[in-house]
Amino acid sequence: MAALNQQDLLEQLQQTWHQTIPVSEFMQITPLAFDGTEFSVTAPLAPNINLHQTMFAGSIYTLMTLTGWGMLWLQQKLVDLDGDIVLADANVRYIAPIDSQPVAKVRWPDVDLTSLAQGRRVKVRLAVELYCNDKLCASFSGLYVSMAKG
């Protein structure tokens, strides 16, 4: 894991999304930045537009879901652990129409992942916020579960 830098990790995450969640490729979901604690993701408006020329609610939900999923995936990579990640529960609040390129942001709540190494599962609740032009347009709370592989 130490050989992978931030950009390599983000590229590996994007490839993982495209290979395992095909809609992510159609939506052109792209990881932007990860510093170990904060993670941001974007997607262009064009493939995610609705009849009102704003972002489709399903695309907003998907973008925010994958932002949280990606954060847990990245945290597992940082500590050289592997788990199958699923979204167990979620709630989204649509605050304002998204009429420009959105940026979803999530912060890691410093959850210990060592139980994965012991063959147990990890649960983490992540709060994702979606901004357009620096305005909060949607918020998401997701409970993610990662189950140890093997």
Protein backbone atom coordinates (compact mmCIF):
# COMPACT_ATOMS: atom_id res chain seq x y z
CA MET A 1 0.00 0.00 0.00
CA ALA A 2 2.82 2.41 0.80
CA ALA A 3 3.83 2.49 -2.87
CA LEU A 4 0.49 3.99 -3.89
CA ASN A 5 0.29 7.76 -3.77
CA GLN A 6 -2.91 9.79 -3.53
CA GLN A 7 -3.39 10.07 -7.29
CA ASP A 8 -2.82 6.31 -7.78
CA LEU A 9 -5.41 5.58 -5.08
CA LEU A 10 -7.96 7.89 -6.70
CA GLU A 11 -7.39 6.31 -10.11
CA GLN A 12 -7.71 2.82 -8.61
CA LEU A 13 -10.95 3.87 -6.89
CA GLN A 14 -12.38 5.26 -10.13
CA GLN A 15 -11.50 2.02 -11.97
CA THR A 16 -13.14 0.02 -9.17
CA TRP A 17 -16.31 2.09 -9.47
CA HIS A 18 -16.42 1.75 -13.25
CA GLN A 19 -15.85 -2.02 -13.14
CA THR A 20 -18.27 -2.81 -10.31
CA ILE A 21 -20.89 -0.04 -10.52
CA PRO A 22 -21.42 0.66 -14.24
CA VAL A 23 -23.69 3.69 -13.71
CA SER A 24 -20.69 5.51 -12.18
CA GLU A 25 -18.97 5.50 -15.57
CA PHE A 26 -22.07 6.74 -17.41
CA MET A 27 -22.46 9.50 -14.80
CA GLN A 28 -18.73 10.35 -15.21
CA ILE A 29 -18.21 10.32 -11.44
CA THR A 30 -14.65 11.43 -10.73
CA PRO A 31 -12.69 11.51 -7.47
CA LEU A 32 -11.12 14.96 -7.04
CA ALA A 33 -8.99 14.92 -3.91
CA PHE A 34 -8.17 12.88 -0.82
CA ASP A 35 -5.88 13.95 2.00
CA GLY A 36 -6.43 11.05 4.40
CA THR A 37 -9.26 12.78 6.25
CA GLU A 38 -11.30 14.60 3.61
CA PHE A 39 -12.46 13.26 0.25
CA SER A 40 -14.20 15.08 -2.59
CA VAL A 41 -15.89 13.78 -5.73
CA THR A 42 -17.62 15.38 -8.71
CA ALA A 43 -19.70 14.55 -11.77
CA PRO A 44 -20.58 16.80 -14.71
CA LEU A 45 -24.11 18.08 -15.00
CA ALA A 46 -24.69 17.03 -18.65
CA PRO A 47 -25.11 13.23 -18.25
CA ASN A 48 -27.04 13.73 -15.00
CA ILE A 49 -29.58 16.34 -16.06
CA ASN A 50 -33.36 16.23 -15.63
CA LEU A 51 -36.23 17.97 -17.44
CA HIS A 52 -35.68 21.10 -15.30
CA GLN A 53 -32.04 21.40 -16.48
CA THR A 54 -30.84 20.59 -12.97
CA MET A 55 -29.21 17.45 -11.60
CA PHE A 56 -31.49 14.41 -11.43
CA ALA A 57 -32.29 13.36 -7.85
CA GLY A 58 -31.15 9.79 -8.55
CA SER A 59 -27.79 11.09 -9.75
CA ILE A 60 -27.43 13.22 -6.63
CA TYR A 61 -28.15 10.20 -4.45
CA THR A 62 -25.73 8.01 -6.42
CA LEU A 63 -22.94 10.62 -6.31
CA MET A 64 -23.31 11.03 -2.56
CA THR A 65 -23.59 7.27 -1.94
CA LEU A 66 -20.39 6.61 -3.90
CA THR A 67 -18.58 9.46 -2.14
CA GLY A 68 -19.22 7.79 1.22
CA TRP A 69 -18.46 4.32 -0.17
CA GLY A 70 -15.24 5.66 -1.68
CA MET A 71 -14.14 7.20 1.62
CA LEU A 72 -14.47 3.85 3.41
CA TRP A 73 -12.67 2.11 0.52
CA LEU A 74 -9.81 4.64 0.73
CA GLN A 75 -9.53 4.29 4.51
CA GLN A 76 -9.29 0.51 4.13
CA LYS A 77 -6.50 0.95 1.57
CA LEU A 78 -4.59 3.28 3.91
CA VAL A 79 -4.43 0.55 6.58
CA ASP A 80 -3.95 -2.26 4.05
CA LEU A 81 -7.28 -3.96 4.80
CA ASP A 82 -9.89 -5.31 2.43
CA GLY A 83 -13.61 -5.58 3.03
CA ASP A 84 -16.84 -5.81 1.06
CA ILE A 85 -18.56 -2.45 1.52
CA VAL A 86 -22.34 -2.04 1.39
CA LEU A 87 -24.68 0.81 2.19
CA ALA A 88 -26.99 -0.42 4.96
CA ASP A 89 -29.08 2.70 5.56
CA ALA A 90 -29.22 6.20 4.12
CA ASN A 91 -31.06 9.47 4.26
CA VAL A 92 -30.74 12.30 1.75
CA ARG A 93 -32.00 15.86 1.97
CA TYR A 94 -32.36 17.85 -1.24
CA ILE A 95 -31.85 21.49 -0.25
CA ALA A 96 -31.51 23.42 -3.53
CA PRO A 97 -31.52 22.64 -7.26
CA ILE A 98 -28.11 21.79 -8.68
CA ASP A 99 -27.56 23.78 -11.86
CA SER A 100 -23.75 23.75 -11.98
CA GLN A 101 -21.06 21.12 -11.49
CA PRO A 102 -21.47 19.66 -8.00
CA VAL A 103 -18.75 18.66 -5.55
CA ALA A 104 -19.55 16.06 -2.88
CA LYS A 105 -17.42 16.20 0.27
CA VAL A 106 -17.03 13.79 3.17
CA ARG A 107 -14.85 13.81 6.27
CA TRP A 108 -13.60 10.61 7.98
CA PRO A 109 -14.90 10.34 11.57
CA ASP A 110 -11.78 8.48 12.79
CA VAL A 111 -13.37 5.04 13.04
CA ASP A 112 -11.06 2.14 13.89
CA LEU A 113 -10.98 -0.49 11.13
CA THR A 114 -8.91 -3.14 12.95
CA SER A 115 -11.93 -5.42 13.47
CA LEU A 116 -11.75 -6.13 9.70
CA ALA A 117 -8.31 -7.64 10.26
CA GLN A 118 -9.88 -9.88 12.90
CA GLY A 119 -12.51 -11.18 10.44
CA ARG A 120 -15.33 -9.02 11.79
CA ARG A 121 -17.35 -6.28 10.20
CA VAL A 122 -17.05 -2.53 10.61
CA LYS A 123 -19.92 -0.05 10.67
CA VAL A 124 -19.39 3.64 10.00
CA ARG A 125 -21.86 6.48 9.53
CA LEU A 126 -20.68 9.08 7.05
CA ALA A 127 -22.10 12.54 6.39
CA VAL A 128 -21.71 13.72 2.80
CA GLU A 129 -22.44 17.27 1.71
CA LEU A 130 -22.99 18.31 -1.89
CA TYR A 131 -22.07 21.81 -2.97
CA CYS A 132 -22.64 23.77 -6.16
CA ASN A 133 -20.91 27.15 -6.46
CA ASP A 134 -19.92 26.85 -2.76
CA LYS A 135 -23.62 26.59 -1.77
CA LEU A 136 -24.86 23.54 0.16
CA CYS A 137 -27.39 21.88 -2.16
CA ALA A 138 -27.86 18.43 -0.60
CA SER A 139 -26.87 16.48 2.49
CA PHE A 140 -26.62 12.72 2.95
CA SER A 141 -26.12 10.44 5.91
CA GLY A 142 -25.19 6.84 5.15
CA LEU A 143 -24.48 3.85 7.35
CA TYR A 144 -21.84 1.76 5.60
CA VAL A 145 -20.89 -1.75 6.60
CA SER A 146 -17.67 -3.44 5.52
CA MET A 147 -17.45 -7.18 5.92
CA ALA A 148 -14.09 -8.87 6.16
CA LYS A 149 -13.18 -10.90 3.08
CA GLY A 150 -12.18 -14.52 3.35
